[in-house]
C-alpha atoms as a PDB file:
ATOM      1  CA  MET A   1       0.004   0.036   0.018  1.00  0.00           C
ATOM      2  CA  ASP A   2       1.272   3.502  -0.805  1.00  0.00           C
ATOM      3  CA  THR A   3       2.373   5.027   2.450  1.00  0.00           C
ATOM      4  CA  ARG A   4       1.445   8.387   1.081  1.00  0.00           C
ATOM      5  CA  ALA A   5      -2.161   7.435   0.959  1.00  0.00           C
ATOM      6  CA  SER A   6      -4.498   9.793   2.805  1.00  0.00           C
ATOM      7  CA  LEU A   7      -5.162   8.993   6.455  1.00  0.00           C
ATOM      8  CA  SER A   8      -8.804   8.722   7.367  1.00  0.00           C
ATOM      9  CA  ILE A   9     -10.152  10.641  10.338  1.00  0.00           C
ATOM     10  CA  LEU A  10     -13.522  10.807  11.986  1.00  0.00           C
ATOM     11  CA  LEU A  11     -13.976  14.261  13.525  1.00  0.00           C
ATOM     12  CA  LEU A  12     -16.515  13.739  16.249  1.00  0.00           C
ATOM     13  CA  LEU A  13     -18.370  16.833  17.405  1.00  0.00           C
ATOM     14  CA  PHE A  14     -17.051  17.152  20.962  1.00  0.00           C
ATOM     15  CA  GLY A  15     -19.686  16.411  23.523  1.00  0.00           C
ATOM     16  CA  ILE A  16     -22.448  15.353  21.232  1.00  0.00           C
ATOM     17  CA  SER A  17     -23.812  13.026  23.875  1.00  0.00           C
ATOM     18  CA  GLN A  18     -23.521  15.819  26.443  1.00  0.00           C
ATOM     19  CA  ALA A  19     -25.570  18.051  24.109  1.00  0.00           C
ATOM     20  CA  SER A  20     -28.506  15.632  24.119  1.00  0.00           C
ATOM     21  CA  THR A  21     -28.284  15.322  27.907  1.00  0.00           C
ATOM     22  CA  LEU A  22     -28.269  19.079  28.303  1.00  0.00           C
ATOM     23  CA  THR A  23     -31.255  19.438  26.020  1.00  0.00           C
ATOM     24  CA  ASP A  24     -33.217  16.865  28.078  1.00  0.00           C
ATOM     25  CA  GLU A  25     -32.404  18.556  31.329  1.00  0.00           C
ATOM     26  CA  ARG A  26     -33.422  21.980  30.022  1.00  0.00           C
ATOM     27  CA  PHE A  27     -36.787  20.761  28.710  1.00  0.00           C
ATOM     28  CA  GLU A  28     -37.488  19.059  32.004  1.00  0.00           C
ATOM     29  CA  GLY A  29     -36.723  22.386  33.697  1.00  0.00           C
ATOM     30  CA  VAL A  30     -39.553  24.026  31.772  1.00  0.00           C
ATOM     31  CA  PHE A  31     -42.039  22.409  34.079  1.00  0.00           C
ATOM     32  CA  VAL A  32     -40.600  23.324  37.473  1.00  0.00           C
ATOM     33  CA  SER A  33     -42.682  25.654  39.632  1.00  0.00           C
ATOM     34  CA  GLU A  34     -42.059  29.416  39.273  1.00  0.00           C
ATOM     35  CA  PRO A  35     -41.830  31.833  42.174  1.00  0.00           C
ATOM     36  CA  GLU A  36     -44.702  33.847  40.713  1.00  0.00           C
ATOM     37  CA  PRO A  37     -47.491  33.068  38.173  1.00  0.00           C
ATOM     38  CA  LEU A  38     -46.540  33.243  34.495  1.00  0.00           C
ATOM     39  CA  ASP A  39     -48.802  32.714  31.499  1.00  0.00           C
ATOM     40  CA  ILE A  40     -47.814  29.710  29.456  1.00  0.00           C
ATOM     41  CA  THR A  41     -46.587  31.766  26.458  1.00  0.00           C
ATOM     42  CA  THR A  42     -44.168  33.796  28.609  1.00  0.00           C
ATOM     43  CA  ARG A  43     -42.919  30.657  30.292  1.00  0.00           C
ATOM     44  CA  ILE A  44     -42.202  28.900  26.970  1.00  0.00           C
ATOM     45  CA  LEU A  45     -40.479  31.981  25.495  1.00  0.00           C
ATOM     46  CA  GLU A  46     -38.220  32.438  28.526  1.00  0.00           C
ATOM     47  CA  SER A  47     -37.361  28.785  28.639  1.00  0.00           C
ATOM     48  CA  ASN A  48     -36.572  28.661  24.935  1.00  0.00           C
ATOM     49  CA  ASN A  49     -34.398  31.776  25.195  1.00  0.00           C
ATOM     50  CA  ASP A  50     -32.408  30.164  28.013  1.00  0.00           C
ATOM     51  CA  LEU A  51     -32.024  27.026  26.003  1.00  0.00           C
ATOM     52  CA  ILE A  52     -30.881  28.799  22.891  1.00  0.00           C
ATOM     53  CA  LEU A  53     -28.279  30.832  24.826  1.00  0.00           C
ATOM     54  CA  ASN A  54     -26.915  27.754  26.592  1.00  0.00           C
ATOM     55  CA  MET A  55     -26.845  25.636  23.481  1.00  0.00           C
ATOM     56  CA  TRP A  56     -25.217  28.472  21.527  1.00  0.00           C
ATOM     57  CA  ALA A  57     -22.409  28.693  24.141  1.00  0.00           C
ATOM     58  CA  PHE A  58     -21.981  24.892  23.941  1.00  0.00           C
ATOM     59  CA  LEU A  59     -21.939  24.794  20.145  1.00  0.00           C
ATOM     60  CA  PHE A  60     -19.599  27.762  19.997  1.00  0.00           C
ATOM     61  CA  THR A  61     -17.101  25.929  22.144  1.00  0.00           C
ATOM     62  CA  ALA A  62     -17.410  22.741  20.019  1.00  0.00           C
ATOM     63  CA  TYR A  63     -17.007  24.841  16.857  1.00  0.00           C
ATOM     64  CA  ASN A  64     -13.862  26.484  18.253  1.00  0.00           C
ATOM     65  CA  ASN A  65     -12.464  23.136  19.126  1.00  0.00           C
ATOM     66  CA  LYS A  66     -12.954  21.893  15.587  1.00  0.00           C
ATOM     67  CA  LEU A  67     -11.301  25.018  14.217  1.00  0.00           C
ATOM     68  CA  VAL A  68      -8.259  24.458  16.419  1.00  0.00           C
ATOM     69  CA  ILE A  69      -7.979  20.867  15.305  1.00  0.00           C
ATOM     70  CA  ALA A  70      -8.447  21.773  11.620  1.00  0.00           C
ATOM     71  CA  ASN A  71      -5.856  24.539  11.847  1.00  0.00           C
ATOM     72  CA  ALA A  72      -3.369  22.096  13.464  1.00  0.00           C
ATOM     73  CA  MET A  73      -3.986  19.617  10.645  1.00  0.00           C
ATOM     74  CA  SER A  74      -3.435  22.326   7.999  1.00  0.00           C
ATOM     75  CA  THR A  75       0.324  22.231   8.620  1.00  0.00           C
ATOM     76  CA  PHE A  76       0.379  18.562   7.717  1.00  0.00           C
ATOM     77  CA  HIS A  77      -1.540  19.393   4.562  1.00  0.00           C
ATOM     78  CA  SER A  78       0.661  22.292   3.506  1.00  0.00           C
ATOM     79  CA  LYS A  79       4.099  20.916   4.543  1.00  0.00           C
ATOM     80  CA  THR A  80       3.762  17.147   4.040  1.00  0.00           C
ATOM     81  CA  CYS A  81       1.876  14.656   1.872  1.00  0.00           C
ATOM     82  CA  ILE A  82      -0.292  13.574   4.812  1.00  0.00           C
ATOM     83  CA  ARG A  83      -3.955  14.299   4.267  1.00  0.00           C
ATOM     84  CA  PHE A  84      -6.582  13.974   6.976  1.00  0.00           C
ATOM     85  CA  VAL A  85     -10.026  13.347   5.401  1.00  0.00           C
ATOM     86  CA  ALA A  86     -13.467  12.720   6.829  1.00  0.00           C
ATOM     87  CA  ARG A  87     -14.156   9.047   7.270  1.00  0.00           C
ATOM     88  CA  SER A  88     -16.672   7.430   5.026  1.00  0.00           C
ATOM     89  CA  THR A  89     -16.399   3.617   4.868  1.00  0.00           C
ATOM     90  CA  GLN A  90     -12.739   3.182   5.853  1.00  0.00           C
ATOM     91  CA  SER A  91     -12.194   0.299   8.257  1.00  0.00           C
ATOM     92  CA  ASP A  92      -9.062   1.836   9.770  1.00  0.00           C
ATOM     93  CA  TYR A  93      -9.499   5.394  11.015  1.00  0.00           C
ATOM     94  CA  ILE A  94      -8.633   7.944  13.719  1.00  0.00           C
ATOM     95  CA  SER A  95     -11.422   8.986  15.993  1.00  0.00           C
ATOM     96  CA  ILE A  96     -10.818  12.275  17.815  1.00  0.00           C
ATOM     97  CA  GLU A  97     -12.721  12.201  21.087  1.00  0.00           C
ATOM     98  CA  ASN A  98     -13.164  14.134  24.325  1.00  0.00           C
ATOM     99  CA  LYS A  99     -11.710  11.496  26.660  1.00  0.00           C
ATOM    100  CA  ASP A 100      -9.765  11.870  29.874  1.00  0.00           C
ATOM    101  CA  GLY A 101      -6.461  13.502  28.910  1.00  0.00           C
ATOM    102  CA  CYS A 102      -4.319  13.903  25.830  1.00  0.00           C
ATOM    103  CA  TYR A 103      -3.180  10.644  24.280  1.00  0.00           C
ATOM    104  CA  SER A 104      -2.833   8.495  21.179  1.00  0.00           C
ATOM    105  CA  SER A 105      -1.648   5.068  20.211  1.00  0.00           C
ATOM    106  CA  LEU A 106       1.687   4.859  18.355  1.00  0.00           C
ATOM    107  CA  GLY A 107       1.221   4.367  14.650  1.00  0.00           C
ATOM    108  CA  ARG A 108      -1.562   2.571  12.850  1.00  0.00           C
ATOM    109  CA  THR A 109      -3.267  -0.030  15.026  1.00  0.00           C
ATOM    110  CA  GLY A 110      -6.196  -0.989  12.811  1.00  0.00           C
ATOM    111  CA  GLY A 111      -9.884  -0.353  13.189  1.00  0.00           C
ATOM    112  CA  LYS A 112     -11.088   2.575  15.236  1.00  0.00           C
ATOM    113  CA  GLN A 113      -8.093   4.348  16.738  1.00  0.00           C
ATOM    114  CA  VAL A 114      -8.901   6.924  19.448  1.00  0.00           C
ATOM    115  CA  VAL A 115      -6.948  10.124  19.722  1.00  0.00           C
ATOM    116  CA  SER A 116      -8.031  11.735  22.986  1.00  0.00           C
ATOM    117  CA  LEU A 117      -8.145  15.510  23.123  1.00  0.00           C
ATOM    118  CA  ASN A 118      -9.961  16.511  26.292  1.00  0.00           C
ATOM    119  CA  ARG A 119     -11.583  19.818  25.568  1.00  0.00           C
ATOM    120  CA  GLN A 120     -10.661  21.193  28.990  1.00  0.00           C
ATOM    121  CA  GLY A 121      -6.900  21.124  28.467  1.00  0.00           C
ATOM    122  CA  CYS A 122      -5.836  19.389  25.207  1.00  0.00           C
ATOM    123  CA  VAL A 123      -7.377  21.394  22.359  1.00  0.00           C
ATOM    124  CA  TYR A 124      -4.368  23.603  21.585  1.00  0.00           C
ATOM    125  CA  HIS A 125      -2.471  23.827  18.310  1.00  0.00           C
ATOM    126  CA  GLY A 126       0.765  22.155  19.511  1.00  0.00           C
ATOM    127  CA  ILE A 127      -0.906  19.454  21.567  1.00  0.00           C
ATOM    128  CA  VAL A 128      -3.104  18.428  18.683  1.00  0.00           C
ATOM    129  CA  GLN A 129      -0.021  18.156  16.456  1.00  0.00           C
ATOM    130  CA  HIS A 130       1.845  16.250  19.148  1.00  0.00           C
ATOM    131  CA  GLU A 131      -0.873  13.591  19.450  1.00  0.00           C
ATOM    132  CA  LEU A 132      -1.396  13.315  15.644  1.00  0.00           C
ATOM    133  CA  ASN A 133       2.346  12.704  15.292  1.00  0.00           C
ATOM    134  CA  HIS A 134       2.034   9.736  17.729  1.00  0.00           C
ATOM    135  CA  ALA A 135      -0.740   8.407  15.470  1.00  0.00           C
ATOM    136  CA  LEU A 136       1.644   8.780  12.513  1.00  0.00           C
ATOM    137  CA  GLY A 137       4.195   6.627  14.288  1.00  0.00           C
ATOM    138  CA  PHE A 138       6.539   8.985  16.174  1.00  0.00           C
ATOM    139  CA  TYR A 139       7.902   8.507  19.690  1.00  0.00           C
ATOM    140  CA  HIS A 140       8.758  11.232  22.145  1.00  0.00           C
ATOM    141  CA  GLU A 141      12.072  12.867  21.144  1.00  0.00           C
ATOM    142  CA  GLN A 142      13.821  12.247  24.476  1.00  0.00           C
ATOM    143  CA  THR A 143      13.212   8.481  24.080  1.00  0.00           C
ATOM    144  CA  ARG A 144      15.098   8.156  20.789  1.00  0.00           C
ATOM    145  CA  SER A 145      17.952   5.720  20.684  1.00  0.00           C
ATOM    146  CA  ASP A 146      20.800   8.275  20.819  1.00  0.00           C
ATOM    147  CA  ARG A 147      19.274  10.601  23.420  1.00  0.00           C
ATOM    148  CA  ASP A 148      21.980  10.105  26.020  1.00  0.00           C
ATOM    149  CA  GLU A 149      24.324  12.198  23.906  1.00  0.00           C
ATOM    150  CA  TYR A 150      21.919  15.146  24.106  1.00  0.00           C
ATOM    151  CA  VAL A 151      19.956  14.998  27.390  1.00  0.00           C
ATOM    152  CA  LYS A 152      20.423  13.706  30.863  1.00  0.00           C
ATOM    153  CA  ILE A 153      17.450  11.862  32.400  1.00  0.00           C
ATOM    154  CA  ASN A 154      17.186  12.549  36.159  1.00  0.00           C
ATOM    155  CA  TRP A 155      15.528   9.398  37.313  1.00  0.00           C
ATOM    156  CA  GLU A 156      15.694  10.474  40.950  1.00  0.00           C
ATOM    157  CA  ASN A 157      13.376  13.398  40.246  1.00  0.00           C
ATOM    158  CA  MET A 158      10.451  11.340  38.993  1.00  0.00           C
ATOM    159  CA  SER A 159       8.066   8.846  40.500  1.00  0.00           C
ATOM    160  CA  PRO A 160       9.086   5.273  39.682  1.00  0.00           C
ATOM    161  CA  ASP A 161       5.696   4.531  38.123  1.00  0.00           C
ATOM    162  CA  MET A 162       6.284   7.339  35.562  1.00  0.00           C
ATOM    163  CA  ALA A 163       9.763   6.182  34.581  1.00  0.00           C
ATOM    164  CA  TYR A 164       8.409   4.220  31.558  1.00  0.00           C
ATOM    165  CA  ASN A 165       7.819   7.583  29.855  1.00  0.00           C
ATOM    166  CA  PHE A 166      11.562   8.080  29.657  1.00  0.00           C
ATOM    167  CA  GLN A 167      12.754   4.657  28.566  1.00  0.00           C
ATOM    168  CA  LYS A 168      14.874   4.648  25.403  1.00  0.00           C
ATOM    169  CA  GLN A 169      13.366   3.165  22.309  1.00  0.00           C
ATOM    170  CA  ASN A 170      15.029   1.505  19.310  1.00  0.00           C
ATOM    171  CA  THR A 171      13.908   4.351  16.994  1.00  0.00           C
ATOM    172  CA  ASN A 172      14.499   4.900  13.338  1.00  0.00           C
ATOM    173  CA  ASN A 173      15.977   8.373  13.441  1.00  0.00           C
ATOM    174  CA  GLN A 174      16.056   8.620   9.627  1.00  0.00           C
ATOM    175  CA  LYS A 175      19.522  10.303   9.715  1.00  0.00           C
ATOM    176  CA  THR A 176      18.001  13.475  11.215  1.00  0.00           C
ATOM    177  CA  PRO A 177      19.593  15.364  14.116  1.00  0.00           C
ATOM    178  CA  TYR A 178      18.334  15.290  17.663  1.00  0.00           C
ATOM    179  CA  ASP A 179      15.803  18.018  17.871  1.00  0.00           C
ATOM    180  CA  TYR A 180      15.427  19.940  21.133  1.00  0.00           C
ATOM    181  CA  GLY A 181      12.734  22.006  19.463  1.00  0.00           C
ATOM    182  CA  SER A 182      10.579  19.086  18.369  1.00  0.00           C
ATOM    183  CA  ILE A 183       6.892  19.140  19.127  1.00  0.00           C
ATOM    184  CA  MET A 184       7.515  15.650  20.494  1.00  0.00           C
ATOM    185  CA  HIS A 185      10.035  16.634  23.159  1.00  0.00           C
ATOM    186  CA  TYR A 186       9.052  16.744  26.860  1.00  0.00           C
ATOM    187  CA  GLY A 187       9.695  19.771  28.965  1.00  0.00           C
ATOM    188  CA  ARG A 188      12.310  19.981  31.701  1.00  0.00           C
ATOM    189  CA  THR A 189      10.007  19.104  34.577  1.00  0.00           C
ATOM    190  CA  ALA A 190       7.721  16.530  32.939  1.00  0.00           C
ATOM    191  CA  PHE A 191       6.428  14.055  35.511  1.00  0.00           C
ATOM    192  CA  SER A 192       8.612  15.608  38.208  1.00  0.00           C
ATOM    193  CA  ILE A 193       7.905  14.784  41.874  1.00  0.00           C
ATOM    194  CA  GLN A 194       8.299  18.521  42.673  1.00  0.00           C
ATOM    195  CA  PRO A 195       7.574  21.431  40.336  1.00  0.00           C
ATOM    196  CA  GLU A 196      11.118  22.871  40.441  1.00  0.00           C
ATOM    197  CA  LEU A 197      12.941  19.587  39.876  1.00  0.00           C
ATOM    198  CA  GLU A 198      14.121  18.735  36.339  1.00  0.00           C
ATOM    199  CA  THR A 199      13.523  15.295  34.933  1.00  0.00           C
ATOM    200  CA  ILE A 200      15.303  16.184  31.691  1.00  0.00           C
ATOM    201  CA  THR A 201      18.427  18.313  31.459  1.00  0.00           C
ATOM    202  CA  PRO A 202      19.869  19.223  27.995  1.00  0.00           C
ATOM    203  CA  ILE A 203      23.599  18.548  27.573  1.00  0.00           C
ATOM    204  CA  PRO A 204      26.182  19.867  27.155  1.00  0.00           C
ATOM    205  CA  ASP A 205      24.309  23.173  27.124  1.00  0.00           C
ATOM    206  CA  GLU A 206      21.797  23.158  30.017  1.00  0.00           C
ATOM    207  CA  THR A 207      20.155  26.392  28.829  1.00  0.00           C
ATOM    208  CA  VAL A 208      18.750  24.951  25.628  1.00  0.00           C
ATOM    209  CA  GLU A 209      14.941  25.261  25.482  1.00  0.00           C
ATOM    210  CA  ILE A 210      12.925  22.082  25.307  1.00  0.00           C
ATOM    211  CA  GLY A 211       9.188  21.159  25.472  1.00  0.00           C
ATOM    212  CA  GLN A 212       7.692  23.761  23.163  1.00  0.00           C
ATOM    213  CA  ARG A 213       4.101  23.253  22.006  1.00  0.00           C
ATOM    214  CA  GLN A 214       3.776  26.061  19.462  1.00  0.00           C
ATOM    215  CA  GLY A 215       3.909  23.858  16.428  1.00  0.00           C
ATOM    216  CA  MET A 216       5.922  21.219  14.521  1.00  0.00           C
ATOM    217  CA  SER A 217       9.584  22.060  13.987  1.00  0.00           C
ATOM    218  CA  ASN A 218      11.259  21.902  10.605  1.00  0.00           C
ATOM    219  CA  THR A 219      12.825  18.577  11.661  1.00  0.00           C
ATOM    220  CA  ASP A 220       9.391  17.233  12.705  1.00  0.00           C
ATOM    221  CA  ILE A 221       8.165  18.024   9.167  1.00  0.00           C
ATOM    222  CA  LEU A 222      11.278  16.585   7.525  1.00  0.00           C
ATOM    223  CA  ARG A 223      10.806  13.276   9.404  1.00  0.00           C
ATOM    224  CA  ILE A 224       7.219  12.915   8.318  1.00  0.00           C
ATOM    225  CA  ASN A 225       8.216  13.542   4.710  1.00  0.00           C
ATOM    226  CA  LYS A 226      11.103  11.044   4.901  1.00  0.00           C
ATOM    227  CA  LEU A 227       9.008   8.356   6.600  1.00  0.00           C
ATOM    228  CA  TYR A 228       6.075   8.666   4.258  1.00  0.00           C
ATOM    229  CA  GLY A 229       8.112   9.146   1.098  1.00  0.00           C
ATOM    230  CA  CYS A 230       6.626  12.575   0.385  1.00  0.00           C
END
């Protein structure tokens, strides 16, 4: 199969189930007792106005979330041969959902593949790109096979049950340099047991910035193009 083929994605409207629940609760609320008598027309109009305002706020949030995701995808479209398209009948596809946290499987797993982007803290340009890169098959930068030449992992500053996030992987680095500015690189204090303690320290220059979430770096883009034969 041509690795440049478009990736299928199902963009779920965040909180669609919550929307139906909200609607049910609001219509039930129409029938609660009022502190003073109201004619039925006034009651219906006031209730409908409240419903419209609340639903508009909800839909506006969902619409903004979709815009952020679409904008994050646009870089893949403009800089690589990856294309995210709406799912029709594809058996393998990505489903972006409002789950608990920000996460994705690594690479293509087959069937429905959830990319979780919780709308309370994950729907940001760089985070969306980070999780989509996982779905495309990319590890965290600080776990690449040659990382010990570029960063020091401070195991003593992290909880033991979080150490798996820093284990080296047998990565295909595609003859690209270690990228401190990668969208896939953790920040200095990721999973630290105390806020001021570093779990990752760049070497030999400790002042190098790591952990940015503004957008994919040039090297991130280069790796996608090399891996997918763009």
